[in-house]
Amino acid sequence: MTESEILEVNLLENYSNLKVIETDEKIELILKALSSKTRRNILRHIQSEPMDVSKIASNLTMTEANISAQIKILEEAELIKCDYSSGKHGVRKISCIKYNQLLLKFM
């Protein structure tokens, strides 16, 4: 396989955690998730540190409901992982990038 046959998507500058995606279904899910500017902005915001929905919404000047919907798509594409923790007003959903690097292989 030559370099021109591989599409590489880098989410972080640290390449220690590589995930290879080979199935058409997974590739389509990831490309759909990355097709939204809002979702790419979310990935940029949680790149350096995990953040909860309200902080992401505040940073992007969007509603928490919209950010939650976008996070769900990123989570389904397995680009991020979410944990829950106690907050002042209930449970907070904390999101962080799941992989440092994705390698999409078209078989």
PDB file of N, CA and C in Angstrom:
ATOM      1  N   MET A   1       0.842  -1.177   0.000  1.00  0.00           N
ATOM      2  CA  MET A   1       0.000   0.000   0.000  1.00  0.00           C
ATOM      3  C   MET A   1       0.888   1.241   0.000  1.00  0.00           C
ATOM      4  N   THR A   2       0.599   2.186  -0.865  1.00  0.00           N
ATOM      5  CA  THR A   2       1.391   3.415  -0.938  1.00  0.00           C
ATOM      6  C   THR A   2       0.765   4.487  -0.071  1.00  0.00           C
ATOM      7  N   GLU A   3       1.518   5.563   0.161  1.00  0.00           N
ATOM      8  CA  GLU A   3       1.013   6.675   0.960  1.00  0.00           C
ATOM      9  C   GLU A   3      -0.239   7.282   0.367  1.00  0.00           C
ATOM     10  N   SER A   4      -0.359   7.313  -0.950  1.00  0.00           N
ATOM     11  CA  SER A   4      -1.510   7.933  -1.588  1.00  0.00           C
ATOM     12  C   SER A   4      -2.783   7.115  -1.392  1.00  0.00           C
ATOM     13  N   GLU A   5      -2.662   5.888  -0.926  1.00  0.00           N
ATOM     14  CA  GLU A   5      -3.831   5.049  -0.707  1.00  0.00           C
ATOM     15  C   GLU A   5      -4.365   5.143   0.715  1.00  0.00           C
ATOM     16  N   ILE A   6      -3.785   5.993   1.550  1.00  0.00           N
ATOM     17  CA  ILE A   6      -4.203   6.119   2.940  1.00  0.00           C
ATOM     18  C   ILE A   6      -4.611   7.565   3.206  1.00  0.00           C
ATOM     19  N   LEU A   7      -5.804   7.742   3.782  1.00  0.00           N
ATOM     20  CA  LEU A   7      -6.262   9.057   4.230  1.00  0.00           C
ATOM     21  C   LEU A   7      -6.050   9.110   5.734  1.00  0.00           C
ATOM     22  N   GLU A   8      -5.236  10.044   6.181  1.00  0.00           N
ATOM     23  CA  GLU A   8      -4.884  10.133   7.595  1.00  0.00           C
ATOM     24  C   GLU A   8      -5.586  11.332   8.207  1.00  0.00           C
ATOM     25  N   VAL A   9      -6.247  11.124   9.356  1.00  0.00           N
ATOM     26  CA  VAL A   9      -6.930  12.187  10.071  1.00  0.00           C
ATOM     27  C   VAL A   9      -6.305  12.299  11.452  1.00  0.00           C
ATOM     28  N   ASN A  10      -5.668  13.429  11.732  1.00  0.00           N
ATOM     29  CA  ASN A  10      -5.023  13.645  13.028  1.00  0.00           C
ATOM     30  C   ASN A  10      -5.916  14.504  13.908  1.00  0.00           C
ATOM     31  N   LEU A  11      -6.218  14.033  15.117  1.00  0.00           N
ATOM     32  CA  LEU A  11      -7.003  14.804  16.059  1.00  0.00           C
ATOM     33  C   LEU A  11      -6.123  15.547  17.055  1.00  0.00           C
ATOM     34  N   LEU A  12      -4.951  15.020  17.319  1.00  0.00           N
ATOM     35  CA  LEU A  12      -4.016  15.657  18.237  1.00  0.00           C
ATOM     36  C   LEU A  12      -2.616  15.590  17.663  1.00  0.00           C
ATOM     37  N   GLU A  13      -1.742  16.388  18.197  1.00  0.00           N
ATOM     38  CA  GLU A  13      -0.355  16.350  17.748  1.00  0.00           C
ATOM     39  C   GLU A  13       0.405  15.179  18.358  1.00  0.00           C
ATOM     40  N   ASN A  14      -0.081  14.611  19.442  1.00  0.00           N
ATOM     41  CA  ASN A  14       0.558  13.468  20.091  1.00  0.00           C
ATOM     42  C   ASN A  14       0.023  12.188  19.444  1.00  0.00           C
ATOM     43  N   TYR A  15       0.878  11.412  18.808  1.00  0.00           N
ATOM     44  CA  TYR A  15       0.427  10.263  18.030  1.00  0.00           C
ATOM     45  C   TYR A  15       0.584   8.935  18.768  1.00  0.00           C
ATOM     46  N   SER A  16       0.544   8.945  20.073  1.00  0.00           N
ATOM     47  CA  SER A  16       0.798   7.723  20.816  1.00  0.00           C
ATOM     48  C   SER A  16      -0.365   6.738  20.792  1.00  0.00           C
ATOM     49  N   ASN A  17      -1.560   7.198  20.506  1.00  0.00           N
ATOM     50  CA  ASN A  17      -2.735   6.343  20.548  1.00  0.00           C
ATOM     51  C   ASN A  17      -3.374   6.301  19.161  1.00  0.00           C
ATOM     52  N   LEU A  18      -3.092   5.256  18.400  1.00  0.00           N
ATOM     53  CA  LEU A  18      -3.539   5.142  17.013  1.00  0.00           C
ATOM     54  C   LEU A  18      -4.698   4.167  16.915  1.00  0.00           C
ATOM     55  N   LYS A  19      -5.747   4.543  16.184  1.00  0.00           N
ATOM     56  CA  LYS A  19      -6.880   3.675  15.912  1.00  0.00           C
ATOM     57  C   LYS A  19      -6.998   3.536  14.406  1.00  0.00           C
ATOM     58  N   VAL A  20      -6.982   2.291  13.906  1.00  0.00           N
ATOM     59  CA  VAL A  20      -7.122   2.026  12.482  1.00  0.00           C
ATOM     60  C   VAL A  20      -8.583   1.683  12.203  1.00  0.00           C
ATOM     61  N   ILE A  21      -9.185   2.382  11.260  1.00  0.00           N
ATOM     62  CA  ILE A  21     -10.579   2.179  10.881  1.00  0.00           C
ATOM     63  C   ILE A  21     -10.592   1.563   9.491  1.00  0.00           C
ATOM     64  N   GLU A  22     -11.203   0.379   9.361  1.00  0.00           N
ATOM     65  CA  GLU A  22     -11.165  -0.327   8.085  1.00  0.00           C
ATOM     66  C   GLU A  22     -12.531  -0.614   7.480  1.00  0.00           C
ATOM     67  N   THR A  23     -13.583  -0.635   8.267  1.00  0.00           N
ATOM     68  CA  THR A  23     -14.887  -0.997   7.708  1.00  0.00           C
ATOM     69  C   THR A  23     -15.586   0.224   7.121  1.00  0.00           C
ATOM     70  N   ASP A  24     -16.331   0.011   6.056  1.00  0.00           N
ATOM     71  CA  ASP A  24     -17.064   1.102   5.422  1.00  0.00           C
ATOM     72  C   ASP A  24     -18.043   1.763   6.386  1.00  0.00           C
ATOM     73  N   GLU A  25     -18.705   0.960   7.214  1.00  0.00           N
ATOM     74  CA  GLU A  25     -19.686   1.511   8.147  1.00  0.00           C
ATOM     75  C   GLU A  25     -19.041   2.480   9.137  1.00  0.00           C
ATOM     76  N   LYS A  26     -17.898   2.093   9.688  1.00  0.00           N
ATOM     77  CA  LYS A  26     -17.193   2.956  10.644  1.00  0.00           C
ATOM     78  C   LYS A  26     -16.648   4.208   9.961  1.00  0.00           C
ATOM     79  N   ILE A  27     -16.107   4.043   8.763  1.00  0.00           N
ATOM     80  CA  ILE A  27     -15.584   5.192   8.013  1.00  0.00           C
ATOM     81  C   ILE A  27     -16.701   6.191   7.743  1.00  0.00           C
ATOM     82  N   GLU A  28     -17.876   5.707   7.328  1.00  0.00           N
ATOM     83  CA  GLU A  28     -19.002   6.597   7.053  1.00  0.00           C
ATOM     84  C   GLU A  28     -19.455   7.328   8.302  1.00  0.00           C
ATOM     85  N   LEU A  29     -19.491   6.629   9.432  1.00  0.00           N
ATOM     86  CA  LEU A  29     -19.884   7.242  10.695  1.00  0.00           C
ATOM     87  C   LEU A  29     -18.916   8.356  11.088  1.00  0.00           C
ATOM     88  N   ILE A  30     -17.629   8.094  10.936  1.00  0.00           N
ATOM     89  CA  ILE A  30     -16.604   9.083  11.283  1.00  0.00           C
ATOM     90  C   ILE A  30     -16.657  10.282  10.337  1.00  0.00           C
ATOM     91  N   LEU A  31     -16.765  10.024   9.045  1.00  0.00           N
ATOM     92  CA  LEU A  31     -16.820  11.129   8.089  1.00  0.00           C
ATOM     93  C   LEU A  31     -18.058  11.988   8.295  1.00  0.00           C
ATOM     94  N   LYS A  32     -19.186  11.353   8.633  1.00  0.00           N
ATOM     95  CA  LYS A  32     -20.403  12.118   8.934  1.00  0.00           C
ATOM     96  C   LYS A  32     -20.163  13.007  10.147  1.00  0.00           C
ATOM     97  N   ALA A  33     -19.547  12.441  11.186  1.00  0.00           N
ATOM     98  CA  ALA A  33     -19.287  13.217  12.400  1.00  0.00           C
ATOM     99  C   ALA A  33     -18.350  14.385  12.124  1.00  0.00           C
ATOM    100  N   LEU A  34     -17.347  14.169  11.292  1.00  0.00           N
ATOM    101  CA  LEU A  34     -16.378  15.223  10.992  1.00  0.00           C
ATOM    102  C   LEU A  34     -16.874  16.224   9.958  1.00  0.00           C
ATOM    103  N   SER A  35     -18.009  15.956   9.325  1.00  0.00           N
ATOM    104  CA  SER A  35     -18.522  16.853   8.290  1.00  0.00           C
ATOM    105  C   SER A  35     -19.133  18.129   8.863  1.00  0.00           C
ATOM    106  N   SER A  36     -19.377  18.160  10.158  1.00  0.00           N
ATOM    107  CA  SER A  36     -19.979  19.329  10.802  1.00  0.00           C
ATOM    108  C   SER A  36     -18.909  20.231  11.413  1.00  0.00           C
ATOM    109  N   LYS A  37     -18.977  21.509  11.080  1.00  0.00           N
ATOM    110  CA  LYS A  37     -18.034  22.476  11.651  1.00  0.00           C
ATOM    111  C   LYS A  37     -18.185  22.547  13.171  1.00  0.00           C
ATOM    112  N   THR A  38     -19.411  22.473  13.655  1.00  0.00           N
ATOM    113  CA  THR A  38     -19.656  22.504  15.099  1.00  0.00           C
ATOM    114  C   THR A  38     -18.980  21.332  15.789  1.00  0.00           C
ATOM    115  N   ARG A  39     -19.108  20.137  15.224  1.00  0.00           N
ATOM    116  CA  ARG A  39     -18.488  18.965  15.842  1.00  0.00           C
ATOM    117  C   ARG A  39     -16.964  19.054  15.788  1.00  0.00           C
ATOM    118  N   ARG A  40     -16.426  19.589  14.692  1.00  0.00           N
ATOM    119  CA  ARG A  40     -14.965  19.783  14.639  1.00  0.00           C
ATOM    120  C   ARG A  40     -14.519  20.800  15.682  1.00  0.00           C
ATOM    121  N   ASN A  41     -15.308  21.843  15.901  1.00  0.00           N
ATOM    122  CA  ASN A  41     -14.990  22.831  16.936  1.00  0.00           C
ATOM    123  C   ASN A  41     -15.037  22.208  18.326  1.00  0.00           C
ATOM    124  N   ILE A  42     -15.973  21.322  18.556  1.00  0.00           N
ATOM    125  CA  ILE A  42     -16.040  20.620  19.839  1.00  0.00           C
ATOM    126  C   ILE A  42     -14.758  19.824  20.041  1.00  0.00           C
ATOM    127  N   LEU A  43     -14.333  19.098  19.013  1.00  0.00           N
ATOM    128  CA  LEU A  43     -13.089  18.316  19.117  1.00  0.00           C
ATOM    129  C   LEU A  43     -11.900  19.219  19.430  1.00  0.00           C
ATOM    130  N   ARG A  44     -11.847  20.381  18.813  1.00  0.00           N
ATOM    131  CA  ARG A  44     -10.747  21.319  19.086  1.00  0.00           C
ATOM    132  C   ARG A  44     -10.776  21.793  20.540  1.00  0.00           C
ATOM    133  N   HIS A  45     -11.987  22.040  21.048  1.00  0.00           N
ATOM    134  CA  HIS A  45     -12.107  22.554  22.413  1.00  0.00           C
ATOM    135  C   HIS A  45     -11.751  21.512  23.465  1.00  0.00           C
ATOM    136  N   ILE A  46     -12.009  20.259  23.203  1.00  0.00           N
ATOM    137  CA  ILE A  46     -11.697  19.233  24.201  1.00  0.00           C
ATOM    138  C   ILE A  46     -10.346  18.566  23.932  1.00  0.00           C
ATOM    139  N   GLN A  47      -9.633  19.096  22.959  1.00  0.00           N
ATOM    140  CA  GLN A  47      -8.334  18.539  22.575  1.00  0.00           C
ATOM    141  C   GLN A  47      -7.323  18.598  23.715  1.00  0.00           C
ATOM    142  N   SER A  48      -7.264  19.710  24.411  1.00  0.00           N
ATOM    143  CA  SER A  48      -6.245  19.869  25.443  1.00  0.00           C
ATOM    144  C   SER A  48      -6.715  19.436  26.823  1.00  0.00           C
ATOM    145  N   GLU A  49      -8.028  19.459  27.051  1.00  0.00           N
ATOM    146  CA  GLU A  49      -8.552  19.048  28.349  1.00  0.00           C
ATOM    147  C   GLU A  49     -10.011  18.619  28.212  1.00  0.00           C
ATOM    148  N   PRO A  50     -10.426  17.628  28.998  1.00  0.00           N
ATOM    149  CA  PRO A  50     -11.841  17.232  28.988  1.00  0.00           C
ATOM    150  C   PRO A  50     -12.715  18.392  29.464  1.00  0.00           C
ATOM    151  N   MET A  51     -13.913  18.494  28.894  1.00  0.00           N
ATOM    152  CA  MET A  51     -14.832  19.565  29.280  1.00  0.00           C
ATOM    153  C   MET A  51     -16.243  19.021  29.395  1.00  0.00           C
ATOM    154  N   ASP A  52     -17.043  19.701  30.237  1.00  0.00           N
ATOM    155  CA  ASP A  52     -18.441  19.319  30.327  1.00  0.00           C
ATOM    156  C   ASP A  52     -19.257  20.084  29.287  1.00  0.00           C
ATOM    157  N   VAL A  53     -20.477  19.629  29.091  1.00  0.00           N
ATOM    158  CA  VAL A  53     -21.361  20.181  28.058  1.00  0.00           C
ATOM    159  C   VAL A  53     -21.559  21.682  28.241  1.00  0.00           C
ATOM    160  N   SER A  54     -21.787  22.117  29.479  1.00  0.00           N
ATOM    161  CA  SER A  54     -22.061  23.546  29.697  1.00  0.00           C
ATOM    162  C   SER A  54     -20.857  24.422  29.366  1.00  0.00           C
ATOM    163  N   LYS A  55     -19.644  23.953  29.661  1.00  0.00           N
ATOM    164  CA  LYS A  55     -18.448  24.741  29.338  1.00  0.00           C
ATOM    165  C   LYS A  55     -18.234  24.800  27.821  1.00  0.00           C
ATOM    166  N   ILE A  56     -18.445  23.676  27.136  1.00  0.00           N
ATOM    167  CA  ILE A  56     -18.320  23.669  25.671  1.00  0.00           C
ATOM    168  C   ILE A  56     -19.352  24.610  25.063  1.00  0.00           C
ATOM    169  N   ALA A  57     -20.590  24.529  25.551  1.00  0.00           N
ATOM    170  CA  ALA A  57     -21.664  25.392  25.037  1.00  0.00           C
ATOM    171  C   ALA A  57     -21.328  26.865  25.249  1.00  0.00           C
ATOM    172  N   SER A  58     -20.811  27.183  26.418  1.00  0.00           N
ATOM    173  CA  SER A  58     -20.429  28.562  26.724  1.00  0.00           C
ATOM    174  C   SER A  58     -19.310  29.036  25.802  1.00  0.00           C
ATOM    175  N   ASN A  59     -18.286  28.200  25.621  1.00  0.00           N
ATOM    176  CA  ASN A  59     -17.155  28.564  24.767  1.00  0.00           C
ATOM    177  C   ASN A  59     -17.574  28.775  23.310  1.00  0.00           C
ATOM    178  N   LEU A  60     -18.538  27.979  22.842  1.00  0.00           N
ATOM    179  CA  LEU A  60     -18.967  28.064  21.442  1.00  0.00           C
ATOM    180  C   LEU A  60     -20.209  28.935  21.267  1.00  0.00           C
ATOM    181  N   THR A  61     -20.676  29.544  22.355  1.00  0.00           N
ATOM    182  CA  THR A  61     -21.905  30.347  22.377  1.00  0.00           C
ATOM    183  C   THR A  61     -23.056  29.626  21.682  1.00  0.00           C
ATOM    184  N   MET A  62     -23.326  28.423  22.158  1.00  0.00           N
ATOM    185  CA  MET A  62     -24.433  27.602  21.662  1.00  0.00           C
ATOM    186  C   MET A  62     -25.201  27.062  22.857  1.00  0.00           C
ATOM    187  N   THR A  63     -26.361  26.503  22.589  1.00  0.00           N
ATOM    188  CA  THR A  63     -27.161  25.938  23.670  1.00  0.00           C
ATOM    189  C   THR A  63     -26.587  24.593  24.111  1.00  0.00           C
ATOM    190  N   GLU A  64     -26.827  24.258  25.360  1.00  0.00           N
ATOM    191  CA  GLU A  64     -26.379  22.964  25.873  1.00  0.00           C
ATOM    192  C   GLU A  64     -27.085  21.820  25.140  1.00  0.00           C
ATOM    193  N   ALA A  65     -28.340  22.028  24.766  1.00  0.00           N
ATOM    194  CA  ALA A  65     -29.087  20.993  24.034  1.00  0.00           C
ATOM    195  C   ALA A  65     -28.425  20.694  22.691  1.00  0.00           C
ATOM    196  N   ASN A  66     -28.001  21.735  21.983  1.00  0.00           N
ATOM    197  CA  ASN A  66     -27.332  21.537  20.694  1.00  0.00           C
ATOM    198  C   ASN A  66     -25.995  20.823  20.890  1.00  0.00           C
ATOM    199  N   ILE A  67     -25.228  21.251  21.869  1.00  0.00           N
ATOM    200  CA  ILE A  67     -23.928  20.623  22.127  1.00  0.00           C
ATOM    201  C   ILE A  67     -24.123  19.164  22.521  1.00  0.00           C
ATOM    202  N   SER A  68     -25.121  18.881  23.342  1.00  0.00           N
ATOM    203  CA  SER A  68     -25.399  17.495  23.734  1.00  0.00           C
ATOM    204  C   SER A  68     -25.711  16.624  22.529  1.00  0.00           C
ATOM    205  N   ALA A  69     -26.494  17.153  21.599  1.00  0.00           N
ATOM    206  CA  ALA A  69     -26.823  16.403  20.381  1.00  0.00           C
ATOM    207  C   ALA A  69     -25.575  16.150  19.534  1.00  0.00           C
ATOM    208  N   GLN A  70     -24.702  17.149  19.447  1.00  0.00           N
ATOM    209  CA  GLN A  70     -23.477  17.004  18.659  1.00  0.00           C
ATOM    210  C   GLN A  70     -22.514  16.014  19.328  1.00  0.00           C
ATOM    211  N   ILE A  71     -22.457  16.052  20.637  1.00  0.00           N
ATOM    212  CA  ILE A  71     -21.596  15.129  21.386  1.00  0.00           C
ATOM    213  C   ILE A  71     -22.076  13.693  21.196  1.00  0.00           C
ATOM    214  N   LYS A  72     -23.377  13.503  21.146  1.00  0.00           N
ATOM    215  CA  LYS A  72     -23.924  12.160  20.934  1.00  0.00           C
ATOM    216  C   LYS A  72     -23.435  11.584  19.602  1.00  0.00           C
ATOM    217  N   ILE A  73     -23.406  12.401  18.561  1.00  0.00           N
ATOM    218  CA  ILE A  73     -22.934  11.961  17.239  1.00  0.00           C
ATOM    219  C   ILE A  73     -21.443  11.620  17.296  1.00  0.00           C
ATOM    220  N   LEU A  74     -20.657  12.466  17.953  1.00  0.00           N
ATOM    221  CA  LEU A  74     -19.218  12.194  18.106  1.00  0.00           C
ATOM    222  C   LEU A  74     -18.974  10.927  18.914  1.00  0.00           C
ATOM    223  N   GLU A  75     -19.813  10.713  19.907  1.00  0.00           N
ATOM    224  CA  GLU A  75     -19.689   9.519  20.744  1.00  0.00           C
ATOM    225  C   GLU A  75     -20.052   8.257  19.948  1.00  0.00           C
ATOM    226  N   GLU A  76     -21.106   8.335  19.143  1.00  0.00           N
ATOM    227  CA  GLU A  76     -21.515   7.199  18.312  1.00  0.00           C
ATOM    228  C   GLU A  76     -20.446   6.846  17.289  1.00  0.00           C
ATOM    229  N   ALA A  77     -19.726   7.854  16.815  1.00  0.00           N
ATOM    230  CA  ALA A  77     -18.635   7.630  15.863  1.00  0.00           C
ATOM    231  C   ALA A  77     -17.359   7.180  16.577  1.00  0.00           C
ATOM    232  N   GLU A  78     -17.415   7.109  17.904  1.00  0.00           N
ATOM    233  CA  GLU A  78     -16.296   6.693  18.741  1.00  0.00           C
ATOM    234  C   GLU A  78     -15.080   7.614  18.627  1.00  0.00           C
ATOM    235  N   LEU A  79     -15.349   8.905  18.382  1.00  0.00           N
ATOM    236  CA  LEU A  79     -14.275   9.895  18.336  1.00  0.00           C
ATOM    237  C   LEU A  79     -13.997  10.481  19.708  1.00  0.00           C
ATOM    238  N   ILE A  80     -14.996  10.416  20.589  1.00  0.00           N
ATOM    239  CA  ILE A  80     -14.825  10.913  21.951  1.00  0.00           C
ATOM    240  C   ILE A  80     -15.367   9.873  22.922  1.00  0.00           C
ATOM    241  N   LYS A  81     -14.994  10.050  24.176  1.00  0.00           N
ATOM    242  CA  LYS A  81     -15.600   9.250  25.240  1.00  0.00           C
ATOM    243  C   LYS A  81     -16.113  10.213  26.294  1.00  0.00           C
ATOM    244  N   CYS A  82     -17.154   9.799  26.982  1.00  0.00           N
ATOM    245  CA  CYS A  82     -17.779  10.656  27.977  1.00  0.00           C
ATOM    246  C   CYS A  82     -17.850   9.940  29.314  1.00  0.00           C
ATOM    247  N   ASP A  83     -17.623  10.696  30.353  1.00  0.00           N
ATOM    248  CA  ASP A  83     -17.757  10.214  31.720  1.00  0.00           C
ATOM    249  C   ASP A  83     -18.716  11.157  32.436  1.00  0.00           C
ATOM    250  N   TYR A  84     -19.271  10.667  33.514  1.00  0.00           N
ATOM    251  CA  TYR A  84     -20.212  11.464  34.290  1.00  0.00           C
ATOM    252  C   TYR A  84     -19.637  11.706  35.674  1.00  0.00           C
ATOM    253  N   SER A  85     -19.848  12.936  36.182  1.00  0.00           N
ATOM    254  CA  SER A  85     -19.408  13.258  37.531  1.00  0.00           C
ATOM    255  C   SER A  85     -20.437  14.181  38.180  1.00  0.00           C
ATOM    256  N   SER A  86     -20.399  14.238  39.484  1.00  0.00           N
ATOM    257  CA  SER A  86     -21.329  15.096  40.221  1.00  0.00           C
ATOM    258  C   SER A  86     -20.957  16.551  40.029  1.00  0.00           C
ATOM    259  N   GLY A  87     -21.979  17.372  39.884  1.00  0.00           N
ATOM    260  CA  GLY A  87     -21.775  18.810  39.756  1.00  0.00           C
ATOM    261  C   GLY A  87     -22.651  19.544  40.759  1.00  0.00           C
ATOM    262  N   LYS A  88     -22.624  20.861  40.731  1.00  0.00           N
ATOM    263  CA  LYS A  88     -23.434  21.667  41.647  1.00  0.00           C
ATOM    264  C   LYS A  88     -24.926  21.455  41.428  1.00  0.00           C
ATOM    265  N   HIS A  89     -25.315  21.264  40.177  1.00  0.00           N
ATOM    266  CA  HIS A  89     -26.737  21.156  39.834  1.00  0.00           C
ATOM    267  C   HIS A  89     -27.048  19.823  39.179  1.00  0.00           C
ATOM    268  N   GLY A  90     -26.501  18.750  39.692  1.00  0.00           N
ATOM    269  CA  GLY A  90     -26.768  17.430  39.131  1.00  0.00           C
ATOM    270  C   GLY A  90     -25.520  16.807  38.542  1.00  0.00           C
ATOM    271  N   VAL A  91     -25.743  15.944  37.560  1.00  0.00           N
ATOM    272  CA  VAL A  91     -24.654  15.193  36.950  1.00  0.00           C
ATOM    273  C   VAL A  91     -24.101  15.961  35.748  1.00  0.00           C
ATOM    274  N   ARG A  92     -22.772  16.005  35.650  1.00  0.00           N
ATOM    275  CA  ARG A  92     -22.108  16.648  34.516  1.00  0.00           C
ATOM    276  C   ARG A  92     -21.582  15.572  33.573  1.00  0.00           C
ATOM    277  N   LYS A  93     -21.748  15.795  32.277  1.00  0.00           N
ATOM    278  CA  LYS A  93     -21.210  14.893  31.258  1.00  0.00           C
ATOM    279  C   LYS A  93     -19.899  15.496  30.762  1.00  0.00           C
ATOM    280  N   ILE A  94     -18.806  14.800  31.025  1.00  0.00           N
ATOM    281  CA  ILE A  94     -17.471  15.269  30.668  1.00  0.00           C
ATOM    282  C   ILE A  94     -17.007  14.534  29.411  1.00  0.00           C
ATOM    283  N   SER A  95     -16.616  15.280  28.390  1.00  0.00           N
ATOM    284  CA  SER A  95     -16.184  14.686  27.120  1.00  0.00           C
ATOM    285  C   SER A  95     -14.690  14.891  26.912  1.00  0.00           C
ATOM    286  N   CYS A  96     -14.039  13.875  26.336  1.00  0.00           N
ATOM    287  CA  CYS A  96     -12.633  13.991  25.957  1.00  0.00           C
ATOM    288  C   CYS A  96     -12.388  13.178  24.686  1.00  0.00           C
ATOM    289  N   ILE A  97     -11.350  13.555  23.969  1.00  0.00           N
ATOM    290  CA  ILE A  97     -11.002  12.853  22.727  1.00  0.00           C
ATOM    291  C   ILE A  97     -10.571  11.436  23.063  1.00  0.00           C
ATOM    292  N   LYS A  98     -11.063  10.487  22.272  1.00  0.00           N
ATOM    293  CA  LYS A  98     -10.786   9.075  22.541  1.00  0.00           C
ATOM    294  C   LYS A  98      -9.471   8.615  21.926  1.00  0.00           C
ATOM    295  N   TYR A  99      -9.148   9.096  20.741  1.00  0.00           N
ATOM    296  CA  TYR A  99      -7.932   8.671  20.052  1.00  0.00           C
ATOM    297  C   TYR A  99      -7.097   9.876  19.673  1.00  0.00           C
ATOM    298  N   ASN A 100      -5.799   9.723  19.734  1.00  0.00           N
ATOM    299  CA  ASN A 100      -4.892  10.778  19.295  1.00  0.00           C
ATOM    300  C   ASN A 100      -4.769  10.807  17.781  1.00  0.00           C
ATOM    301  N   GLN A 101      -4.981   9.658  17.155  1.00  0.00           N
ATOM    302  CA  GLN A 101      -4.800   9.581  15.712  1.00  0.00           C
ATOM    303  C   GLN A 101      -5.728   8.512  15.148  1.00  0.00           C
ATOM    304  N   LEU A 102      -6.346   8.827  14.012  1.00  0.00           N
ATOM    305  CA  LEU A 102      -7.163   7.862  13.276  1.00  0.00           C
ATOM    306  C   LEU A 102      -6.512   7.611  11.936  1.00  0.00           C
ATOM    307  N   LEU A 103      -6.546   6.379  11.520  1.00  0.00           N
ATOM    308  CA  LEU A 103      -6.036   6.015  10.204  1.00  0.00           C
ATOM    309  C   LEU A 103      -7.178   5.304   9.482  1.00  0.00           C
ATOM    310  N   LEU A 104      -7.670   5.938   8.422  1.00  0.00           N
ATOM    311  CA  LEU A 104      -8.751   5.351   7.648  1.00  0.00           C
ATOM    312  C   LEU A 104      -8.164   4.566   6.496  1.00  0.00           C
ATOM    313  N   LYS A 105      -8.420   3.254   6.480  1.00  0.00           N
ATOM    314  CA  LYS A 105      -7.888   2.391   5.423  1.00  0.00           C
ATOM    315  C   LYS A 105      -9.035   1.968   4.520  1.00  0.00           C
ATOM    316  N   PHE A 106      -8.929   2.283   3.263  1.00  0.00           N
ATOM    317  CA  PHE A 106      -9.948   1.894   2.286  1.00  0.00           C
ATOM    318  C   PHE A 106      -9.530   0.577   1.662  1.00  0.00           C
ATOM    319  N   MET A 107     -10.213  -0.467   2.051  1.00  0.00           N
ATOM    320  CA  MET A 107      -9.854  -1.819   1.600  1.00  0.00           C
ATOM    321  C   MET A 107     -10.555  -2.149   0.292  1.00  0.00           C
TER     322      MET A 107
END
